[in-house]
Amino acid sequence: MSSPNNQRTLPTSIQNGVIPRETDALLPKSSEASVSQRIRDHMTRDVRKHRADLVLLLSYIITGLLDSSAVFIWGSFVSMQTGNTVYLGLGVVAPHESTRWLRSLISITFFCLGSLLFAFFHRTFSPRRRWVLVSSFSAQLALIIAAAVIVTTQPNPVAGNDKVLEWHVAVPLALVAFQSSGQAVTSRALGFNSLTSVVLTSIYCDLFSDPYLLKGFNENAERNRRAAAPALLLVGAILGGVWAHSEVGLAGALWTAVGIKAVIVVIWVVWWSEGEGGA
């Protein structure tokens, strides 16, 4: 007769009247592993394209905000490279009159470099993959933060003083121009080619040449996007002008852009996956 100390204790599940199946795992999975797997699955899914244009439209506020304040204080655009190309052409004719053409050249160069790298990143790792979008906009956010820190901690440049190009103007200008390209590339990745956030002339043309311009609100989604884009950019431009004329200056516009960009990052984290949330 075996002693009580030698008796084996039955598993808790059997003691409770639950007989384990042959397919059950011998050891239960930890809750940490389960949560980690769910997060991994969530981040590796493609985001749903439906209504994603609303997220892209937020970028127009950022564009207006940064371009209006930058062109007023730095003397060049950070997103709309058409204007910078004109400034560059004028500078070639009279290169010693100001450094505006150099600032424009910096912006154009880093915008093109950013387009190259962001596009390569999206093509390599799937354009609509959630972690790809989150990483892209997080990188854009980091670049604006870096520019905002430089502008905040360095002496404010005098508006209209474009005779000298200092590093605390050239570096943040390059950083912000680089991140601006990421917004444009994302519009291509999601299939909303008209919502680049950096061009309005073609949007105005497409909007007012639309044969269905006067259709009802729910009958012409493309018209709605084209109308919202310049309106939101104008809102951003007004906010940028307010900051540029204030004591805070360009730093206020940059930190406001940081806040909006951070909101977009969060939106991509929680946005519906493909096949979720209806049509």
Protein backbone atom coordinates (compact mmCIF):
# COMPACT_ATOMS: atom_id res chain seq x y z
CA MET A 1 0.00 0.00 0.00
CA SER A 2 1.54 3.30 -1.12
CA SER A 3 1.85 6.16 1.27
CA PRO A 4 0.00 9.45 0.66
CA ASN A 5 3.32 11.12 -0.16
CA ASN A 6 3.83 8.74 -3.09
CA GLN A 7 0.42 9.40 -4.64
CA ARG A 8 0.47 11.48 -7.80
CA THR A 9 -1.62 14.63 -7.89
CA LEU A 10 -4.09 14.78 -10.77
CA PRO A 11 -3.98 17.82 -13.06
CA THR A 12 -6.29 20.62 -11.99
CA SER A 13 -8.34 20.29 -15.16
CA ILE A 14 -9.14 16.62 -14.37
CA GLN A 15 -9.89 17.45 -10.76
CA ASN A 16 -12.45 19.94 -12.04
CA GLY A 17 -14.04 17.33 -14.25
CA VAL A 18 -12.51 18.56 -17.52
CA ILE A 19 -10.79 15.84 -19.54
CA PRO A 20 -8.02 17.27 -21.78
CA ARG A 21 -8.05 16.35 -25.45
CA GLU A 22 -5.12 14.85 -27.32
CA THR A 23 -4.84 18.03 -29.41
CA ASP A 24 -4.56 20.32 -26.39
CA ALA A 25 -1.14 21.85 -25.74
CA LEU A 26 0.78 20.29 -22.87
CA LEU A 27 1.69 23.74 -21.59
CA PRO A 28 -0.72 26.73 -21.78
CA LYS A 29 0.37 29.67 -23.87
CA SER A 30 1.30 32.73 -21.91
CA SER A 31 -0.98 35.73 -22.18
CA GLU A 32 2.04 37.82 -23.15
CA ALA A 33 2.71 35.63 -26.18
CA SER A 34 -0.94 35.81 -27.17
CA VAL A 35 -1.01 39.61 -27.02
CA SER A 36 2.28 39.82 -28.90
CA GLN A 37 0.93 37.58 -31.65
CA ARG A 38 -2.25 39.63 -32.00
CA ILE A 39 -0.22 42.83 -32.28
CA ARG A 40 2.05 41.20 -34.86
CA ASP A 41 -0.92 39.99 -36.89
CA HIS A 42 -2.53 43.42 -36.68
CA MET A 43 0.57 45.29 -37.83
CA THR A 44 1.29 42.93 -40.73
CA ARG A 45 -2.13 43.31 -42.34
CA ASP A 46 -2.93 45.69 -45.17
CA VAL A 47 -4.97 48.72 -44.15
CA ARG A 48 -8.40 49.18 -45.68
CA LYS A 49 -8.34 51.72 -48.50
CA HIS A 50 -11.97 52.79 -48.07
CA ARG A 51 -12.07 56.28 -46.49
CA ALA A 52 -8.28 56.34 -46.14
CA ASP A 53 -8.40 59.52 -48.21
CA LEU A 54 -9.64 61.28 -45.07
CA VAL A 55 -6.27 60.59 -43.43
CA LEU A 56 -4.40 61.92 -46.46
CA LEU A 57 -6.47 65.10 -46.41
CA LEU A 58 -5.06 65.89 -42.96
CA SER A 59 -1.68 66.17 -44.64
CA TYR A 60 -2.94 69.20 -46.56
CA ILE A 61 -3.27 71.09 -43.29
CA ILE A 62 0.36 70.26 -42.52
CA THR A 63 1.44 71.38 -45.99
CA GLY A 64 -0.32 74.72 -45.72
CA LEU A 65 0.91 75.20 -42.17
CA LEU A 66 4.57 74.59 -42.98
CA ASP A 67 4.74 76.15 -46.45
CA SER A 68 3.13 79.45 -45.43
CA SER A 69 5.35 79.91 -42.39
CA ALA A 70 8.49 78.64 -44.16
CA VAL A 71 8.14 80.85 -47.22
CA PHE A 72 7.53 83.86 -44.97
CA ILE A 73 10.52 83.26 -42.67
CA TRP A 74 12.93 81.04 -44.63
CA GLY A 75 12.08 82.40 -48.08
CA SER A 76 11.36 79.04 -49.70
CA PHE A 77 8.71 76.34 -49.73
CA VAL A 78 9.18 72.99 -48.04
CA SER A 79 6.49 71.07 -49.93
CA MET A 80 5.40 72.83 -53.13
CA GLN A 81 8.40 72.51 -55.35
CA THR A 82 6.90 74.44 -58.28
CA GLY A 83 7.48 77.70 -56.44
CA ASN A 84 10.97 76.59 -55.45
CA THR A 85 11.79 75.81 -59.07
CA VAL A 86 10.77 79.36 -60.03
CA TYR A 87 12.96 80.78 -57.23
CA LEU A 88 15.82 78.60 -58.44
CA GLY A 89 15.45 79.93 -61.99
CA LEU A 90 15.45 83.52 -60.76
CA GLY A 91 18.54 82.80 -58.68
CA VAL A 92 20.45 81.47 -61.67
CA VAL A 93 19.92 84.84 -63.36
CA ALA A 94 21.03 86.85 -60.32
CA PRO A 95 22.80 84.47 -57.90
CA HIS A 96 24.36 87.20 -55.73
CA GLU A 97 21.17 89.08 -54.90
CA SER A 98 20.05 86.61 -52.23
CA THR A 99 20.37 83.03 -51.03
CA ARG A 100 16.72 82.21 -51.72
CA TRP A 101 17.69 80.14 -54.74
CA LEU A 102 20.07 78.10 -52.57
CA ARG A 103 17.31 77.47 -50.04
CA SER A 104 15.01 76.42 -52.86
CA LEU A 105 17.68 74.12 -54.25
CA ILE A 106 18.10 72.49 -50.83
CA SER A 107 14.36 71.95 -50.57
CA ILE A 108 14.06 70.48 -54.07
CA THR A 109 17.08 68.22 -53.56
CA PHE A 110 15.90 66.74 -50.27
CA PHE A 111 12.31 66.42 -51.46
CA CYS A 112 13.53 64.38 -54.45
CA LEU A 113 15.82 62.29 -52.24
CA GLY A 114 12.94 61.64 -49.85
CA SER A 115 10.67 60.61 -52.70
CA LEU A 116 13.28 58.11 -53.85
CA LEU A 117 13.76 56.55 -50.41
CA PHE A 118 10.14 56.56 -49.25
CA ALA A 119 8.99 55.03 -52.55
CA PHE A 120 11.67 52.33 -52.32
CA PHE A 121 10.58 51.56 -48.76
CA HIS A 122 6.90 51.22 -49.70
CA ARG A 123 7.65 49.11 -52.78
CA THR A 124 9.96 46.79 -50.87
CA PHE A 125 7.71 46.08 -47.89
CA SER A 126 4.20 46.29 -49.43
CA PRO A 127 2.64 49.74 -49.95
CA ARG A 128 -0.45 49.30 -47.76
CA ARG A 129 1.01 47.18 -44.97
CA ARG A 130 0.08 48.75 -41.63
CA TRP A 131 3.56 48.68 -40.11
CA VAL A 132 4.94 50.23 -43.29
CA LEU A 133 2.55 53.19 -43.08
CA VAL A 134 3.14 53.59 -39.34
CA SER A 135 6.91 53.47 -39.86
CA SER A 136 6.75 55.95 -42.74
CA PHE A 137 4.74 58.53 -40.83
CA SER A 138 6.76 57.94 -37.66
CA ALA A 139 9.90 58.78 -39.64
CA GLN A 140 8.20 61.91 -40.97
CA LEU A 141 7.22 62.80 -37.41
CA ALA A 142 10.79 62.34 -36.18
CA LEU A 143 12.13 64.63 -38.92
CA ILE A 144 9.69 67.40 -38.05
CA ILE A 145 10.54 67.04 -34.34
CA ALA A 146 14.24 67.37 -35.15
CA ALA A 147 13.55 70.49 -37.22
CA ALA A 148 11.33 71.92 -34.49
CA VAL A 149 14.02 71.39 -31.84
CA ILE A 150 16.62 73.19 -33.97
CA VAL A 151 14.32 76.10 -34.73
CA THR A 152 13.22 76.36 -31.09
CA THR A 153 16.71 76.34 -29.63
CA GLN A 154 18.46 78.52 -32.21
CA PRO A 155 18.04 82.27 -32.85
CA ASN A 156 14.98 83.10 -34.92
CA PRO A 157 15.90 84.19 -38.46
CA VAL A 158 14.54 87.57 -39.46
CA ALA A 159 11.72 87.30 -41.99
CA GLY A 160 12.86 88.46 -45.42
CA ASN A 161 16.57 88.34 -44.52
CA ASP A 162 17.82 85.95 -47.18
CA LYS A 163 21.28 87.39 -47.73
CA VAL A 164 23.00 84.75 -45.56
CA LEU A 165 22.24 81.04 -45.34
CA GLU A 166 22.98 79.68 -41.86
CA TRP A 167 23.00 76.04 -40.77
CA HIS A 168 20.01 76.44 -38.44
CA VAL A 169 17.99 77.41 -41.51
CA ALA A 170 19.45 74.97 -44.04
CA VAL A 171 19.24 71.84 -41.85
CA PRO A 172 15.60 72.11 -40.70
CA LEU A 173 14.62 73.19 -44.22
CA ALA A 174 16.16 69.97 -45.58
CA LEU A 175 14.53 67.83 -42.88
CA VAL A 176 11.03 69.21 -43.44
CA ALA A 177 11.32 69.01 -47.24
CA PHE A 178 12.47 65.39 -46.94
CA GLN A 179 9.46 64.41 -44.82
CA SER A 180 7.05 66.23 -47.12
CA SER A 181 7.85 63.75 -49.85
CA GLY A 182 6.65 60.93 -47.62
CA GLN A 183 3.11 62.32 -47.67
CA ALA A 184 3.13 62.45 -51.46
CA VAL A 185 4.47 58.91 -51.78
CA THR A 186 1.77 57.61 -49.41
CA SER A 187 -0.96 58.96 -51.68
CA ARG A 188 0.49 56.88 -54.50
CA ALA A 189 0.82 53.83 -52.26
CA LEU A 190 -2.86 54.00 -51.29
CA GLY A 191 -4.05 54.67 -54.84
CA PHE A 192 -5.19 58.28 -54.30
CA ASN A 193 -2.89 59.80 -56.90
CA SER A 194 -4.52 63.22 -56.82
CA LEU A 195 -4.01 63.69 -53.07
CA THR A 196 -0.26 64.27 -53.06
CA SER A 197 -0.63 67.18 -50.59
CA VAL A 198 1.96 69.13 -52.59
CA VAL A 199 0.12 70.11 -55.80
CA LEU A 200 -3.01 72.26 -56.17
CA THR A 201 -2.91 73.50 -59.77
CA SER A 202 -3.88 70.12 -61.22
CA ILE A 203 -6.54 69.70 -58.52
CA TYR A 204 -8.12 73.04 -59.43
CA CYS A 205 -8.10 72.02 -63.09
CA ASP A 206 -9.60 68.58 -62.43
CA LEU A 207 -12.17 70.00 -60.03
CA PHE A 208 -13.61 72.66 -62.30
CA SER A 209 -13.36 70.58 -65.47
CA ASP A 210 -15.30 67.74 -63.86
CA PRO A 211 -18.52 67.18 -65.87
CA TYR A 212 -20.19 66.01 -62.65
CA LEU A 213 -19.09 69.01 -60.61
CA LEU A 214 -22.63 69.86 -59.50
CA LYS A 215 -23.68 66.34 -58.55
CA GLY A 216 -24.92 65.65 -55.02
CA PHE A 217 -22.48 65.21 -52.15
CA ASN A 218 -22.78 61.42 -52.10
CA GLU A 219 -22.61 61.08 -55.89
CA ASN A 220 -19.09 62.33 -56.60
CA ALA A 221 -16.45 61.30 -54.07
CA GLU A 222 -13.55 62.39 -56.28
CA ARG A 223 -15.03 65.89 -56.57
CA ASN A 224 -15.35 66.01 -52.78
CA ARG A 225 -11.68 65.14 -52.31
CA ARG A 226 -10.59 67.78 -54.84
CA ALA A 227 -12.69 70.43 -53.11
CA ALA A 228 -11.52 69.50 -49.61
CA ALA A 229 -7.80 69.51 -50.47
CA PRO A 230 -7.35 73.24 -51.25
CA ALA A 231 -9.77 74.20 -48.46
CA LEU A 232 -7.73 72.31 -45.86
CA LEU A 233 -4.46 73.64 -47.26
CA LEU A 234 -5.89 77.15 -46.94
CA VAL A 235 -6.78 76.45 -43.30
CA GLY A 236 -3.21 75.30 -42.70
CA ALA A 237 -1.79 78.33 -44.51
CA ILE A 238 -3.82 80.67 -42.31
CA LEU A 239 -2.58 78.91 -39.17
CA GLY A 240 0.98 79.07 -40.48
CA GLY A 241 0.61 82.77 -41.17
CA VAL A 242 -0.65 83.34 -37.64
CA TRP A 243 2.38 81.54 -36.21
CA ALA A 244 4.80 83.32 -38.56
CA HIS A 245 3.55 86.74 -37.46
CA SER A 246 3.63 85.84 -33.77
CA GLU A 247 6.51 85.96 -31.32
CA VAL A 248 6.76 82.17 -31.43
CA GLY A 249 7.36 82.22 -35.16
CA LEU A 250 8.13 79.15 -37.24
CA ALA A 251 8.64 76.98 -34.17
CA GLY A 252 4.93 77.21 -33.39
CA ALA A 253 4.03 75.99 -36.87
CA LEU A 254 6.48 73.11 -36.63
CA TRP A 255 5.23 71.92 -33.23
CA THR A 256 1.65 72.16 -34.45
CA ALA A 257 2.63 69.98 -37.42
CA VAL A 258 4.22 67.54 -34.97
CA GLY A 259 0.89 67.20 -33.17
CA ILE A 260 -1.08 66.61 -36.37
CA LYS A 261 1.49 64.14 -37.69
CA ALA A 262 1.38 62.22 -34.38
CA VAL A 263 -2.41 61.98 -34.71
CA ILE A 264 -1.97 60.49 -38.20
CA VAL A 265 0.46 57.88 -36.84
CA VAL A 266 -2.10 56.83 -34.24
CA ILE A 267 -4.83 56.71 -36.87
CA TRP A 268 -2.79 54.29 -38.99
CA VAL A 269 -2.25 52.09 -35.95
CA VAL A 270 -5.99 51.72 -35.29
CA TRP A 271 -7.29 51.99 -38.87
CA TRP A 272 -9.39 49.11 -40.16
CA SER A 273 -7.62 46.23 -41.85
CA GLU A 274 -8.56 45.05 -45.31
CA GLY A 275 -11.88 43.23 -45.07
CA GLU A 276 -12.94 44.93 -41.83
CA GLY A 277 -15.37 47.76 -41.21
CA GLY A 278 -17.66 47.15 -44.14
CA ALA A 279 -17.30 48.36 -47.72
